[in-house]
């Protein structure tokens, strides 16, 4: 049976898949996607928001544990991924998600939507999605116990 810990792989995969999807569209339809800055911003900001809310819900329900993602095959190389949910990792992801949301929202309202705007948002979304993977797969974050979290 699928548990909430098993679905924790959605935390980093939602921003990474949306970034990948928009990047494919950007490479295919460069001029059109550069003109569609509002829908692209909406999609990327909401992908970070969904990951942050989901991790916040896991934290509020006190759901912790480890997840082993079966070997992922890419270019005839098998990758294994261990994701660990703990209090510290969930708080860290929620804080980073809020920072990403603030940066992306301020960028939406303050920056002029010129030619490199979509690439800028893609870079930010990919960076924070990759940070989510790094936080969840790093065992030193999971074993770190701070006194205010106990």
C-alpha atoms as a PDB file:
ATOM      1  CA  UNK A   1       0.000   0.000   0.000  1.00  0.00           C
ATOM      2  CA  UNK A   2       1.230   3.468  -0.888  1.00  0.00           C
ATOM      3  CA  UNK A   3       1.917   5.717   2.086  1.00  0.00           C
ATOM      4  CA  UNK A   4       2.590   9.428   2.335  1.00  0.00           C
ATOM      5  CA  UNK A   5       6.304   8.784   2.791  1.00  0.00           C
ATOM      6  CA  UNK A   6       6.304   6.935  -0.535  1.00  0.00           C
ATOM      7  CA  UNK A   7       4.781   9.952  -2.240  1.00  0.00           C
ATOM      8  CA  UNK A   8       7.515  12.251  -0.891  1.00  0.00           C
ATOM      9  CA  UNK A   9       9.241  11.884  -4.232  1.00  0.00           C
ATOM     10  CA  UNK A  10       6.690  14.446  -5.472  1.00  0.00           C
ATOM     11  CA  UNK A  11       8.388  17.224  -3.488  1.00  0.00           C
ATOM     12  CA  UNK A  12      11.382  17.628  -5.819  1.00  0.00           C
ATOM     13  CA  UNK A  13       9.792  16.110  -8.910  1.00  0.00           C
ATOM     14  CA  UNK A  14       6.984  18.664  -9.345  1.00  0.00           C
ATOM     15  CA  UNK A  15       9.339  21.650  -9.878  1.00  0.00           C
ATOM     16  CA  UNK A  16      11.801  19.592 -11.905  1.00  0.00           C
ATOM     17  CA  UNK A  17       9.152  18.194 -14.268  1.00  0.00           C
ATOM     18  CA  UNK A  18       7.525  21.577 -14.776  1.00  0.00           C
ATOM     19  CA  UNK A  19      10.942  23.094 -15.496  1.00  0.00           C
ATOM     20  CA  UNK A  20      11.700  20.296 -17.938  1.00  0.00           C
ATOM     21  CA  UNK A  21       8.323  20.762 -19.649  1.00  0.00           C
ATOM     22  CA  UNK A  22       8.756  24.533 -20.066  1.00  0.00           C
ATOM     23  CA  UNK A  23      12.368  24.075 -21.224  1.00  0.00           C
ATOM     24  CA  UNK A  24      11.246  21.694 -23.969  1.00  0.00           C
ATOM     25  CA  UNK A  25       8.605  24.207 -25.023  1.00  0.00           C
ATOM     26  CA  UNK A  26      11.185  27.001 -24.933  1.00  0.00           C
ATOM     27  CA  UNK A  27      13.581  25.108 -27.176  1.00  0.00           C
ATOM     28  CA  UNK A  28      10.787  24.122 -29.562  1.00  0.00           C
ATOM     29  CA  UNK A  29       8.875  27.405 -29.722  1.00  0.00           C
ATOM     30  CA  UNK A  30      11.393  30.016 -28.618  1.00  0.00           C
ATOM     31  CA  UNK A  31       9.639  33.173 -29.802  1.00  0.00           C
ATOM     32  CA  UNK A  32       6.184  32.081 -28.649  1.00  0.00           C
ATOM     33  CA  UNK A  33       7.249  30.979 -25.169  1.00  0.00           C
ATOM     34  CA  UNK A  34       9.251  34.171 -24.650  1.00  0.00           C
ATOM     35  CA  UNK A  35       6.028  36.094 -25.304  1.00  0.00           C
ATOM     36  CA  UNK A  36       3.996  33.919 -22.901  1.00  0.00           C
ATOM     37  CA  UNK A  37       5.715  35.073 -19.733  1.00  0.00           C
ATOM     38  CA  UNK A  38       2.595  35.208 -17.552  1.00  0.00           C
ATOM     39  CA  UNK A  39       1.494  31.563 -18.052  1.00  0.00           C
ATOM     40  CA  UNK A  40       5.081  30.338 -17.712  1.00  0.00           C
ATOM     41  CA  UNK A  41       5.493  32.339 -14.487  1.00  0.00           C
ATOM     42  CA  UNK A  42       2.190  31.003 -13.196  1.00  0.00           C
ATOM     43  CA  UNK A  43       3.173  27.383 -13.920  1.00  0.00           C
ATOM     44  CA  UNK A  44       6.648  27.603 -12.373  1.00  0.00           C
ATOM     45  CA  UNK A  45       5.564  29.565  -9.293  1.00  0.00           C
ATOM     46  CA  UNK A  46       2.693  27.142  -8.668  1.00  0.00           C
ATOM     47  CA  UNK A  47       4.999  24.133  -8.999  1.00  0.00           C
ATOM     48  CA  UNK A  48       7.222  25.487  -6.218  1.00  0.00           C
ATOM     49  CA  UNK A  49       4.099  26.390  -4.219  1.00  0.00           C
ATOM     50  CA  UNK A  50       2.682  22.866  -4.562  1.00  0.00           C
ATOM     51  CA  UNK A  51       5.928  21.286  -3.342  1.00  0.00           C
ATOM     52  CA  UNK A  52       6.154  23.681  -0.412  1.00  0.00           C
ATOM     53  CA  UNK A  53       2.544  23.118   0.637  1.00  0.00           C
ATOM     54  CA  UNK A  54       2.901  19.349   0.333  1.00  0.00           C
ATOM     55  CA  UNK A  55       6.033  19.346   2.476  1.00  0.00           C
ATOM     56  CA  UNK A  56       4.310  21.626   4.987  1.00  0.00           C
ATOM     57  CA  UNK A  57       1.409  19.179   5.184  1.00  0.00           C
ATOM     58  CA  UNK A  58       3.821  16.303   5.802  1.00  0.00           C
ATOM     59  CA  UNK A  59       5.445  18.332   8.565  1.00  0.00           C
ATOM     60  CA  UNK A  60       2.128  19.234  10.186  1.00  0.00           C
ATOM     61  CA  UNK A  61       1.047  15.564  10.188  1.00  0.00           C
ATOM     62  CA  UNK A  62       4.426  14.511  11.698  1.00  0.00           C
ATOM     63  CA  UNK A  63       5.165  12.091   8.861  1.00  0.00           C
ATOM     64  CA  UNK A  64       8.811  11.062   8.809  1.00  0.00           C
ATOM     65  CA  UNK A  65      10.693   8.170   7.298  1.00  0.00           C
ATOM     66  CA  UNK A  66      12.957   6.965   4.541  1.00  0.00           C
ATOM     67  CA  UNK A  67      12.161   6.145   0.954  1.00  0.00           C
ATOM     68  CA  UNK A  68      14.193   4.018  -1.403  1.00  0.00           C
ATOM     69  CA  UNK A  69      13.613   4.868  -5.038  1.00  0.00           C
ATOM     70  CA  UNK A  70      14.402   1.799  -7.110  1.00  0.00           C
ATOM     71  CA  UNK A  71      17.309   2.081  -9.521  1.00  0.00           C
ATOM     72  CA  UNK A  72      16.677   4.721 -12.130  1.00  0.00           C
ATOM     73  CA  UNK A  73      18.186   3.749 -15.456  1.00  0.00           C
ATOM     74  CA  UNK A  74      19.730   6.486 -17.567  1.00  0.00           C
ATOM     75  CA  UNK A  75      22.325   5.903 -20.288  1.00  0.00           C
ATOM     76  CA  UNK A  76      22.863   2.287 -19.141  1.00  0.00           C
ATOM     77  CA  UNK A  77      23.761   3.474 -15.626  1.00  0.00           C
ATOM     78  CA  UNK A  78      21.594   2.626 -12.636  1.00  0.00           C
ATOM     79  CA  UNK A  79      21.072   5.346 -10.079  1.00  0.00           C
ATOM     80  CA  UNK A  80      19.618   4.675  -6.662  1.00  0.00           C
ATOM     81  CA  UNK A  81      18.009   7.422  -4.670  1.00  0.00           C
ATOM     82  CA  UNK A  82      17.390   7.422  -0.928  1.00  0.00           C
ATOM     83  CA  UNK A  83      15.069  10.138   0.300  1.00  0.00           C
ATOM     84  CA  UNK A  84      14.849  10.820   4.011  1.00  0.00           C
ATOM     85  CA  UNK A  85      12.112  12.843   5.641  1.00  0.00           C
ATOM     86  CA  UNK A  86      12.786  14.262   9.079  1.00  0.00           C
ATOM     87  CA  UNK A  87      11.761  17.348  11.002  1.00  0.00           C
ATOM     88  CA  UNK A  88      14.843  19.224   9.919  1.00  0.00           C
ATOM     89  CA  UNK A  89      14.580  18.376   6.220  1.00  0.00           C
ATOM     90  CA  UNK A  90      10.912  19.297   6.074  1.00  0.00           C
ATOM     91  CA  UNK A  91      11.459  22.634   7.808  1.00  0.00           C
ATOM     92  CA  UNK A  92      14.410  23.339   5.559  1.00  0.00           C
ATOM     93  CA  UNK A  93      12.389  22.587   2.414  1.00  0.00           C
ATOM     94  CA  UNK A  94       9.483  24.751   3.573  1.00  0.00           C
ATOM     95  CA  UNK A  95      11.836  27.672   4.302  1.00  0.00           C
ATOM     96  CA  UNK A  96      13.603  27.270   0.947  1.00  0.00           C
ATOM     97  CA  UNK A  97      10.249  27.016  -0.806  1.00  0.00           C
ATOM     98  CA  UNK A  98       9.078  30.254   0.773  1.00  0.00           C
ATOM     99  CA  UNK A  99      12.340  31.938  -0.265  1.00  0.00           C
ATOM    100  CA  UNK A 100      11.863  30.658  -3.819  1.00  0.00           C
ATOM    101  CA  UNK A 101       8.275  31.901  -3.881  1.00  0.00           C
ATOM    102  CA  UNK A 102       9.324  35.352  -2.680  1.00  0.00           C
ATOM    103  CA  UNK A 103      12.138  35.582  -5.240  1.00  0.00           C
ATOM    104  CA  UNK A 104       9.976  34.387  -8.121  1.00  0.00           C
ATOM    105  CA  UNK A 105       7.010  36.573  -7.179  1.00  0.00           C
ATOM    106  CA  UNK A 106       9.170  39.666  -6.788  1.00  0.00           C
ATOM    107  CA  UNK A 107      10.811  38.839 -10.108  1.00  0.00           C
ATOM    108  CA  UNK A 108       7.392  38.600 -11.704  1.00  0.00           C
ATOM    109  CA  UNK A 109       6.309  41.998 -10.428  1.00  0.00           C
ATOM    110  CA  UNK A 110       9.601  43.909 -10.612  1.00  0.00           C
ATOM    111  CA  UNK A 111      11.577  42.634 -13.598  1.00  0.00           C
ATOM    112  CA  UNK A 112      10.823  43.684 -17.147  1.00  0.00           C
ATOM    113  CA  UNK A 113       9.728  40.702 -19.208  1.00  0.00           C
ATOM    114  CA  UNK A 114      12.443  40.824 -21.828  1.00  0.00           C
ATOM    115  CA  UNK A 115      14.050  38.052 -23.850  1.00  0.00           C
ATOM    116  CA  UNK A 116      15.869  36.237 -20.996  1.00  0.00           C
ATOM    117  CA  UNK A 117      13.030  36.356 -18.463  1.00  0.00           C
ATOM    118  CA  UNK A 118      11.744  32.822 -19.138  1.00  0.00           C
ATOM    119  CA  UNK A 119      15.271  31.373 -18.949  1.00  0.00           C
ATOM    120  CA  UNK A 120      15.771  33.204 -15.651  1.00  0.00           C
ATOM    121  CA  UNK A 121      12.614  31.659 -14.168  1.00  0.00           C
ATOM    122  CA  UNK A 122      13.609  28.242 -15.526  1.00  0.00           C
ATOM    123  CA  UNK A 123      16.986  28.557 -13.838  1.00  0.00           C
ATOM    124  CA  UNK A 124      15.470  29.506 -10.490  1.00  0.00           C
ATOM    125  CA  UNK A 125      12.884  26.723 -10.641  1.00  0.00           C
ATOM    126  CA  UNK A 126      15.469  24.108 -11.607  1.00  0.00           C
ATOM    127  CA  UNK A 127      17.859  25.306  -8.913  1.00  0.00           C
ATOM    128  CA  UNK A 128      15.280  25.027  -6.145  1.00  0.00           C
ATOM    129  CA  UNK A 129      13.998  21.669  -7.425  1.00  0.00           C
ATOM    130  CA  UNK A 130      17.555  20.366  -7.388  1.00  0.00           C
ATOM    131  CA  UNK A 131      18.039  21.789  -3.883  1.00  0.00           C
ATOM    132  CA  UNK A 132      14.960  19.872  -2.761  1.00  0.00           C
ATOM    133  CA  UNK A 133      16.534  16.665  -4.103  1.00  0.00           C
ATOM    134  CA  UNK A 134      19.850  17.466  -2.411  1.00  0.00           C
ATOM    135  CA  UNK A 135      18.188  18.139   0.936  1.00  0.00           C
ATOM    136  CA  UNK A 136      16.062  15.005   0.878  1.00  0.00           C
ATOM    137  CA  UNK A 137      18.876  12.729  -0.260  1.00  0.00           C
ATOM    138  CA  UNK A 138      21.558  14.022   2.102  1.00  0.00           C
ATOM    139  CA  UNK A 139      21.743  11.862   5.247  1.00  0.00           C
ATOM    140  CA  UNK A 140      23.560  14.538   7.258  1.00  0.00           C
ATOM    141  CA  UNK A 141      20.435  16.732   7.170  1.00  0.00           C
ATOM    142  CA  UNK A 142      18.285  13.865   8.397  1.00  0.00           C
ATOM    143  CA  UNK A 143      20.601  12.967  11.259  1.00  0.00           C
ATOM    144  CA  UNK A 144      21.027  16.564  12.359  1.00  0.00           C
ATOM    145  CA  UNK A 145      18.990  17.165  15.479  1.00  0.00           C
ATOM    146  CA  UNK A 146      18.709  20.686  16.732  1.00  0.00           C
ATOM    147  CA  UNK A 147      17.526  21.414  20.232  1.00  0.00           C
ATOM    148  CA  UNK A 148      14.604  23.625  19.163  1.00  0.00           C
ATOM    149  CA  UNK A 149      13.189  20.898  16.902  1.00  0.00           C
ATOM    150  CA  UNK A 150      12.822  18.286  19.632  1.00  0.00           C
END
